[in-house]
Amino acid sequence: MRNSFFLFFATLGVVGTLSCQTAPDQQVLSVDVNVEDFAALMDTSDTGLLLDVRTDAEFIEGHLKGATQLNFYEASFEASLDAMDKNIPVFVYCRSGGRSGKAAKKMKEKGFKSVYNLEGGIIAWQREHSVVK
């Protein structure tokens, strides 16, 4: 697990984390992470939200255990984001990483403190883990 965290933070340093200053005392972190780091970060988060931004049909076909679904294509998507607690970490994924990357960008713009996007989406997750509901 220590190696995962070291690799995660080393990757952040090399890639140049997508971090920006929104207020003098508030950092916003939005970053794409691989499957291993995504799983490790979720395991260490007591309060994080696992967010599936796929459609209802995709979600029904299978999703990560404990995920909350919020369809990226719904007209109410941004309003739903506005109603969420921006102080808890959000672990967001979709099918292949595209929609969740866009969702992570929107969350960053809305002031979410920590957003982690699963690179490669649930497809990448299924390659390394067989656990989906």
Protein backbone atom coordinates (compact mmCIF):
# COMPACT_ATOMS: atom_id res chain seq x y z
CA MET A 1 0.00 0.00 0.00
CA ARG A 2 2.88 2.39 0.78
CA ASN A 3 4.22 1.78 -2.71
CA SER A 4 0.82 2.75 -4.16
CA PHE A 5 0.83 6.04 -2.29
CA PHE A 6 4.43 6.76 -3.23
CA LEU A 7 3.70 5.98 -6.87
CA PHE A 8 0.54 8.12 -6.74
CA PHE A 9 2.30 11.15 -5.31
CA ALA A 10 5.34 10.68 -7.52
CA THR A 11 3.04 10.60 -10.54
CA LEU A 12 1.42 13.79 -9.36
CA GLY A 13 4.80 15.49 -9.22
CA VAL A 14 5.87 14.32 -12.67
CA VAL A 15 2.62 14.99 -14.47
CA GLY A 16 1.93 18.28 -12.73
CA THR A 17 -1.24 17.89 -10.73
CA LEU A 18 -4.30 19.74 -11.97
CA SER A 19 -4.45 21.90 -8.89
CA CYS A 20 -5.56 25.49 -8.78
CA GLN A 21 -6.06 28.20 -6.19
CA THR A 22 -9.72 29.20 -5.83
CA ALA A 23 -9.45 31.10 -2.59
CA PRO A 24 -6.49 31.96 -0.36
CA ASP A 25 -7.28 29.08 2.01
CA GLN A 26 -8.83 26.50 -0.33
CA GLN A 27 -6.97 24.18 -2.70
CA VAL A 28 -8.89 22.25 -5.34
CA LEU A 29 -7.45 18.94 -6.49
CA SER A 30 -8.70 17.14 -9.57
CA VAL A 31 -6.58 14.31 -10.86
CA ASP A 32 -6.78 11.26 -13.10
CA VAL A 33 -5.59 8.10 -11.34
CA ASN A 34 -5.01 4.53 -12.46
CA VAL A 35 -7.00 1.59 -11.12
CA GLU A 36 -4.51 0.65 -8.41
CA ASP A 37 -4.27 4.17 -7.02
CA PHE A 38 -8.03 4.74 -7.32
CA ALA A 39 -8.69 1.61 -5.23
CA ALA A 40 -6.05 2.56 -2.66
CA LEU A 41 -7.40 6.09 -2.29
CA MET A 42 -10.96 4.81 -1.86
CA ASP A 43 -9.77 2.34 0.78
CA THR A 44 -8.20 5.12 2.82
CA SER A 45 -11.16 7.49 2.58
CA ASP A 46 -13.70 7.30 5.40
CA THR A 47 -16.01 9.92 3.93
CA GLY A 48 -15.50 9.72 0.17
CA LEU A 49 -18.27 9.41 -2.40
CA LEU A 50 -17.97 6.85 -5.20
CA LEU A 51 -19.79 8.41 -8.14
CA ASP A 52 -20.81 6.57 -11.31
CA VAL A 53 -21.72 9.08 -14.04
CA ARG A 54 -23.00 6.55 -16.58
CA THR A 55 -26.59 6.15 -17.77
CA ASP A 56 -29.22 4.19 -15.86
CA ALA A 57 -28.94 1.28 -18.29
CA GLU A 58 -25.13 1.12 -17.93
CA PHE A 59 -25.40 1.30 -14.15
CA ILE A 60 -27.91 -1.57 -14.05
CA GLU A 61 -25.56 -3.73 -16.16
CA GLY A 62 -22.97 -3.50 -13.40
CA HIS A 63 -21.25 -0.96 -11.19
CA LEU A 64 -18.68 -0.71 -8.43
CA LYS A 65 -20.00 -1.74 -5.03
CA GLY A 66 -21.24 1.25 -3.06
CA ALA A 67 -21.44 3.58 -6.06
CA THR A 68 -24.00 6.34 -6.34
CA GLN A 69 -25.24 6.94 -9.87
CA LEU A 70 -25.66 10.40 -11.36
CA ASN A 71 -26.18 10.40 -15.13
CA PHE A 72 -23.80 12.87 -16.78
CA TYR A 73 -26.24 13.37 -19.66
CA GLU A 74 -29.21 14.35 -17.47
CA ALA A 75 -30.22 18.02 -17.62
CA SER A 76 -30.16 18.08 -13.82
CA PHE A 77 -26.53 16.86 -13.58
CA GLU A 78 -24.98 20.23 -12.72
CA ALA A 79 -27.78 21.13 -10.30
CA SER A 80 -27.16 17.80 -8.55
CA LEU A 81 -23.48 18.66 -8.27
CA ASP A 82 -24.40 22.01 -6.76
CA ALA A 83 -26.35 20.23 -4.01
CA MET A 84 -23.45 17.93 -3.07
CA ASP A 85 -20.97 18.42 -0.22
CA LYS A 86 -17.88 19.86 -1.89
CA ASN A 87 -15.65 19.07 1.09
CA ILE A 88 -15.70 15.28 0.78
CA PRO A 89 -13.47 13.46 -1.70
CA VAL A 90 -15.27 12.24 -4.83
CA PHE A 91 -14.12 9.16 -6.73
CA VAL A 92 -15.74 9.40 -10.16
CA TYR A 93 -15.87 6.89 -12.99
CA CYS A 94 -17.76 6.07 -16.20
CA ARG A 95 -17.34 3.45 -18.91
CA SER A 96 -13.94 4.48 -20.28
CA GLY A 97 -12.97 7.72 -18.52
CA GLY A 98 -14.31 10.37 -20.92
CA ARG A 99 -17.51 11.40 -19.19
CA SER A 100 -15.99 11.09 -15.75
CA GLY A 101 -13.10 13.30 -16.88
CA LYS A 102 -15.60 15.95 -17.97
CA ALA A 103 -17.54 15.50 -14.73
CA ALA A 104 -14.32 15.90 -12.72
CA LYS A 105 -13.59 19.13 -14.60
CA LYS A 106 -17.08 20.45 -13.78
CA MET A 107 -16.63 19.50 -10.13
CA LYS A 108 -13.29 21.27 -10.03
CA GLU A 109 -14.91 24.40 -11.49
CA LYS A 110 -17.63 24.18 -8.85
CA GLY A 111 -15.09 24.10 -6.02
CA PHE A 112 -15.00 20.45 -4.99
CA LYS A 113 -11.88 20.04 -2.85
CA SER A 114 -10.79 16.57 -4.04
CA VAL A 115 -11.91 14.77 -7.19
CA TYR A 116 -10.30 11.57 -8.45
CA ASN A 117 -11.15 10.34 -11.94
CA LEU A 118 -10.63 6.65 -12.74
CA GLU A 119 -8.44 6.46 -15.85
CA GLY A 120 -9.94 4.01 -18.32
CA GLY A 121 -13.22 3.84 -16.38
CA ILE A 122 -14.98 0.67 -15.36
CA ILE A 123 -13.44 -1.11 -18.36
CA ALA A 124 -9.97 -0.66 -16.85
CA TRP A 125 -11.31 -1.62 -13.41
CA GLN A 126 -12.77 -4.87 -14.77
CA ARG A 127 -9.44 -5.77 -16.36
CA GLU A 128 -7.79 -5.70 -12.92
CA HIS A 129 -10.73 -6.52 -10.61
CA SER A 130 -13.65 -8.77 -11.28
CA VAL A 131 -15.80 -7.16 -8.58
CA VAL A 132 -18.74 -5.26 -10.02
CA LYS A 133 -22.32 -5.58 -8.91
